[in-house]
Amino acid sequence: MCLAIPGQIESIDHDTNLAVVGVLGAKRKINTDLLIDETLVEGDWVLIHVGFAMSKISPEYAEEQLRVLEMLGDLDEAKAETEGYTFGSHGESQS
């Protein structure tokens, strides 16, 4: 299954278009290149797929999506997907 997972931006580097987000209790680095026309700031929520922010979403929508993932029993799969988010100089993820 392809999952899109809500994450909250904790920090963002607008020069590299990389952000650290909180995703299901873990911190991960994601790419925000696809949202270059959006104004993204710390605290914003984004919908993430394979390490890329796909869209900016409201906190209410993020909460709803997390509830749906939980209801479907897909939280573990979503968390496993976030393990692959690596955009560091040596491929390290932000844990």
N, C-alpha and C. Protein backbone atom coordinates (compact mmCIF):
# COMPACT_ATOMS: atom_id res chain seq x y z
N MET A 1 0.84 -1.17 0.00
CA MET A 1 0.00 0.00 0.00
C MET A 1 0.89 1.24 0.00
N CYS A 2 0.50 2.24 -0.75
CA CYS A 2 1.21 3.51 -0.74
C CYS A 2 0.57 4.41 0.30
N LEU A 3 1.37 4.89 1.21
CA LEU A 3 0.85 5.71 2.29
C LEU A 3 1.29 7.15 2.15
N ALA A 4 0.39 8.04 2.47
CA ALA A 4 0.74 9.45 2.64
C ALA A 4 0.53 9.73 4.13
N ILE A 5 1.57 10.24 4.77
CA ILE A 5 1.59 10.35 6.22
C ILE A 5 1.72 11.81 6.62
N PRO A 6 0.90 12.27 7.56
CA PRO A 6 1.04 13.63 8.05
C PRO A 6 2.29 13.79 8.91
N GLY A 7 2.97 14.90 8.73
CA GLY A 7 4.12 15.24 9.55
C GLY A 7 4.13 16.73 9.84
N GLN A 8 4.60 17.11 11.02
CA GLN A 8 4.64 18.52 11.40
C GLN A 8 6.07 19.03 11.30
N ILE A 9 6.22 20.14 10.59
CA ILE A 9 7.55 20.71 10.38
C ILE A 9 8.11 21.24 11.69
N GLU A 10 9.30 20.77 12.05
CA GLU A 10 10.00 21.25 13.25
C GLU A 10 11.07 22.26 12.89
N SER A 11 11.70 22.08 11.75
CA SER A 11 12.67 23.06 11.25
C SER A 11 12.72 22.92 9.73
N ILE A 12 13.11 24.01 9.07
CA ILE A 12 13.16 23.98 7.61
C ILE A 12 14.34 24.83 7.14
N ASP A 13 15.04 24.31 6.14
CA ASP A 13 16.14 25.04 5.51
C ASP A 13 15.66 25.41 4.11
N HIS A 14 15.32 26.66 3.91
CA HIS A 14 14.77 27.10 2.64
C HIS A 14 15.81 27.13 1.53
N ASP A 15 17.09 27.10 1.87
CA ASP A 15 18.14 27.06 0.85
C ASP A 15 18.23 25.68 0.20
N THR A 16 18.05 24.63 0.99
CA THR A 16 18.15 23.26 0.47
C THR A 16 16.79 22.60 0.25
N ASN A 17 15.72 23.26 0.73
CA ASN A 17 14.36 22.70 0.67
C ASN A 17 14.25 21.38 1.42
N LEU A 18 14.99 21.27 2.51
CA LEU A 18 14.89 20.11 3.39
C LEU A 18 14.31 20.55 4.72
N ALA A 19 13.49 19.69 5.30
CA ALA A 19 12.86 20.02 6.58
C ALA A 19 12.94 18.81 7.50
N VAL A 20 13.01 19.08 8.78
CA VAL A 20 12.88 18.03 9.79
C VAL A 20 11.43 18.08 10.26
N VAL A 21 10.79 16.92 10.22
CA VAL A 21 9.39 16.83 10.62
C VAL A 21 9.21 15.80 11.72
N GLY A 22 8.21 16.01 12.54
CA GLY A 22 7.80 15.01 13.50
C GLY A 22 6.77 14.11 12.83
N VAL A 23 7.10 12.81 12.77
CA VAL A 23 6.21 11.84 12.13
C VAL A 23 6.02 10.67 13.07
N LEU A 24 4.82 10.54 13.61
CA LEU A 24 4.49 9.41 14.48
C LEU A 24 5.51 9.21 15.59
N GLY A 25 5.91 10.31 16.22
CA GLY A 25 6.81 10.26 17.35
C GLY A 25 8.28 10.23 17.00
N ALA A 26 8.62 10.22 15.73
CA ALA A 26 10.03 10.21 15.30
C ALA A 26 10.30 11.48 14.51
N LYS A 27 11.57 11.87 14.46
CA LYS A 27 11.97 13.00 13.64
C LYS A 27 12.61 12.47 12.37
N ARG A 28 12.18 13.00 11.24
CA ARG A 28 12.70 12.58 9.95
C ARG A 28 12.98 13.78 9.09
N LYS A 29 13.94 13.64 8.19
CA LYS A 29 14.26 14.70 7.24
C LYS A 29 13.51 14.41 5.95
N ILE A 30 12.84 15.42 5.42
CA ILE A 30 12.08 15.27 4.18
C ILE A 30 12.46 16.37 3.20
N ASN A 31 12.10 16.16 1.97
CA ASN A 31 12.34 17.11 0.90
C ASN A 31 11.06 17.90 0.64
N THR A 32 11.17 19.23 0.52
CA THR A 32 10.00 20.07 0.29
C THR A 32 9.99 20.70 -1.10
N ASP A 33 10.82 20.19 -2.01
CA ASP A 33 10.90 20.74 -3.37
C ASP A 33 9.55 20.84 -4.07
N LEU A 34 8.66 19.90 -3.84
CA LEU A 34 7.37 19.90 -4.53
C LEU A 34 6.44 21.01 -4.04
N LEU A 35 6.79 21.63 -2.93
CA LEU A 35 5.96 22.71 -2.36
C LEU A 35 6.69 24.05 -2.42
N ILE A 36 7.53 24.22 -3.41
CA ILE A 36 8.35 25.43 -3.50
C ILE A 36 7.50 26.70 -3.60
N ASP A 37 6.27 26.60 -4.11
CA ASP A 37 5.39 27.76 -4.23
C ASP A 37 4.58 28.02 -2.96
N GLU A 38 4.68 27.14 -1.98
CA GLU A 38 3.98 27.29 -0.70
C GLU A 38 4.89 28.02 0.30
N THR A 39 4.29 28.74 1.21
CA THR A 39 5.04 29.31 2.32
C THR A 39 4.98 28.29 3.46
N LEU A 40 6.12 27.67 3.74
CA LEU A 40 6.19 26.67 4.81
C LEU A 40 6.98 27.23 5.97
N VAL A 41 6.46 27.04 7.17
CA VAL A 41 7.12 27.50 8.39
C VAL A 41 7.03 26.41 9.45
N GLU A 42 7.86 26.55 10.48
CA GLU A 42 7.80 25.61 11.60
C GLU A 42 6.38 25.57 12.14
N GLY A 43 5.93 24.36 12.42
CA GLY A 43 4.58 24.16 12.94
C GLY A 43 3.56 23.77 11.88
N ASP A 44 3.87 24.02 10.61
CA ASP A 44 2.97 23.61 9.53
C ASP A 44 2.92 22.09 9.44
N TRP A 45 1.80 21.59 8.96
CA TRP A 45 1.62 20.17 8.70
C TRP A 45 1.71 19.94 7.20
N VAL A 46 2.35 18.85 6.82
CA VAL A 46 2.43 18.45 5.42
C VAL A 46 2.09 16.98 5.30
N LEU A 47 1.59 16.61 4.14
CA LEU A 47 1.32 15.21 3.83
C LEU A 47 2.54 14.69 3.09
N ILE A 48 3.13 13.60 3.59
CA ILE A 48 4.42 13.11 3.11
C ILE A 48 4.24 11.74 2.44
N HIS A 49 4.96 11.57 1.34
CA HIS A 49 5.01 10.27 0.68
C HIS A 49 6.44 10.04 0.21
N VAL A 50 7.00 8.92 0.55
CA VAL A 50 8.37 8.51 0.24
C VAL A 50 9.39 9.63 0.44
N GLY A 51 9.26 10.34 1.55
CA GLY A 51 10.25 11.35 1.91
C GLY A 51 10.04 12.72 1.29
N PHE A 52 8.95 12.91 0.56
CA PHE A 52 8.66 14.20 -0.06
C PHE A 52 7.36 14.77 0.49
N ALA A 53 7.37 16.06 0.82
CA ALA A 53 6.14 16.75 1.21
C ALA A 53 5.31 16.93 -0.05
N MET A 54 4.11 16.38 -0.06
CA MET A 54 3.25 16.43 -1.24
C MET A 54 2.28 17.61 -1.21
N SER A 55 1.83 17.96 -0.01
CA SER A 55 0.90 19.08 0.12
C SER A 55 0.91 19.58 1.55
N LYS A 56 0.58 20.85 1.69
CA LYS A 56 0.42 21.46 3.01
C LYS A 56 -1.02 21.17 3.44
N ILE A 57 -1.20 20.76 4.69
CA ILE A 57 -2.53 20.41 5.17
C ILE A 57 -2.81 21.10 6.50
N SER A 58 -4.07 21.13 6.85
CA SER A 58 -4.47 21.75 8.12
C SER A 58 -4.19 20.79 9.28
N PRO A 59 -4.06 21.33 10.49
CA PRO A 59 -3.88 20.44 11.66
C PRO A 59 -5.06 19.48 11.82
N GLU A 60 -6.25 19.95 11.48
CA GLU A 60 -7.45 19.10 11.61
C GLU A 60 -7.39 17.92 10.63
N TYR A 61 -6.95 18.20 9.41
CA TYR A 61 -6.83 17.13 8.42
C TYR A 61 -5.74 16.14 8.82
N ALA A 62 -4.64 16.65 9.36
CA ALA A 62 -3.56 15.78 9.82
C ALA A 62 -4.08 14.84 10.91
N GLU A 63 -4.81 15.38 11.86
CA GLU A 63 -5.36 14.57 12.94
C GLU A 63 -6.32 13.51 12.40
N GLU A 64 -7.15 13.91 11.45
CA GLU A 64 -8.10 12.98 10.83
C GLU A 64 -7.36 11.85 10.11
N GLN A 65 -6.31 12.19 9.37
CA GLN A 65 -5.54 11.17 8.64
C GLN A 65 -4.87 10.19 9.60
N LEU A 66 -4.34 10.69 10.70
CA LEU A 66 -3.73 9.80 11.69
C LEU A 66 -4.77 8.87 12.32
N ARG A 67 -5.97 9.40 12.57
CA ARG A 67 -7.05 8.55 13.10
C ARG A 67 -7.43 7.45 12.10
N VAL A 68 -7.50 7.82 10.81
CA VAL A 68 -7.84 6.84 9.79
C VAL A 68 -6.77 5.75 9.71
N LEU A 69 -5.49 6.15 9.72
CA LEU A 69 -4.41 5.16 9.70
C LEU A 69 -4.51 4.22 10.89
N GLU A 70 -4.84 4.78 12.05
CA GLU A 70 -4.98 3.94 13.25
C GLU A 70 -6.16 2.99 13.11
N MET A 71 -7.29 3.50 12.63
CA MET A 71 -8.48 2.66 12.45
C MET A 71 -8.23 1.52 11.47
N LEU A 72 -7.45 1.79 10.44
CA LEU A 72 -7.15 0.77 9.44
C LEU A 72 -6.05 -0.18 9.89
N GLY A 73 -5.43 0.12 11.03
CA GLY A 73 -4.34 -0.70 11.52
C GLY A 73 -3.04 -0.49 10.74
N ASP A 74 -2.89 0.68 10.13
CA ASP A 74 -1.73 0.96 9.29
C ASP A 74 -0.67 1.85 9.93
N LEU A 75 -0.79 2.14 11.23
CA LEU A 75 0.21 3.00 11.87
C LEU A 75 1.60 2.37 11.85
N ASP A 76 1.68 1.06 12.07
CA ASP A 76 2.99 0.40 12.05
C ASP A 76 3.61 0.46 10.66
N GLU A 77 2.80 0.25 9.63
CA GLU A 77 3.29 0.34 8.26
C GLU A 77 3.73 1.77 7.93
N ALA A 78 2.96 2.74 8.41
CA ALA A 78 3.32 4.14 8.18
C ALA A 78 4.65 4.47 8.86
N LYS A 79 4.81 4.01 10.09
CA LYS A 79 6.05 4.26 10.80
C LYS A 79 7.23 3.59 10.09
N ALA A 80 7.03 2.39 9.60
CA ALA A 80 8.08 1.68 8.87
C ALA A 80 8.47 2.44 7.61
N GLU A 81 7.49 3.03 6.94
CA GLU A 81 7.80 3.80 5.73
C GLU A 81 8.69 4.99 6.05
N THR A 82 8.47 5.63 7.19
CA THR A 82 9.27 6.81 7.54
C THR A 82 10.72 6.46 7.83
N GLU A 83 11.01 5.20 8.12
CA GLU A 83 12.39 4.79 8.39
C GLU A 83 13.30 5.04 7.20
N GLY A 84 12.74 5.10 6.00
CA GLY A 84 13.55 5.28 4.81
C GLY A 84 13.80 6.72 4.43
N TYR A 85 13.31 7.68 5.20
CA TYR A 85 13.48 9.10 4.86
C TYR A 85 14.90 9.53 5.19
N THR A 86 15.78 9.53 4.20
CA THR A 86 17.17 9.90 4.42
C THR A 86 17.62 10.88 3.35
N PHE A 87 17.95 12.09 3.77
CA PHE A 87 18.45 13.12 2.87
C PHE A 87 19.64 13.80 3.51
N GLY A 88 20.56 13.02 4.06
CA GLY A 88 21.73 13.59 4.71
C GLY A 88 22.96 13.40 3.83
N SER A 89 24.05 13.97 4.27
CA SER A 89 25.28 13.87 3.49
C SER A 89 25.81 12.43 3.43
N HIS A 90 25.45 11.62 4.43
CA HIS A 90 25.91 10.24 4.46
C HIS A 90 24.73 9.28 4.49
N GLY A 91 23.55 9.77 4.08
CA GLY A 91 22.36 8.91 4.07
C GLY A 91 21.76 8.68 5.42
N GLU A 92 22.14 9.48 6.42
CA GLU A 92 21.61 9.25 7.75
C GLU A 92 20.21 9.85 7.86
N SER A 93 19.35 9.21 8.63
CA SER A 93 18.01 9.76 8.87
C SER A 93 18.05 10.50 10.19
N GLN A 94 17.09 11.33 10.39
CA GLN A 94 16.99 12.08 11.63
C GLN A 94 16.07 11.33 12.58
N SER A 95 16.59 10.72 13.61
CA SER A 95 15.79 9.96 14.58
C SER A 95 15.54 10.78 15.81
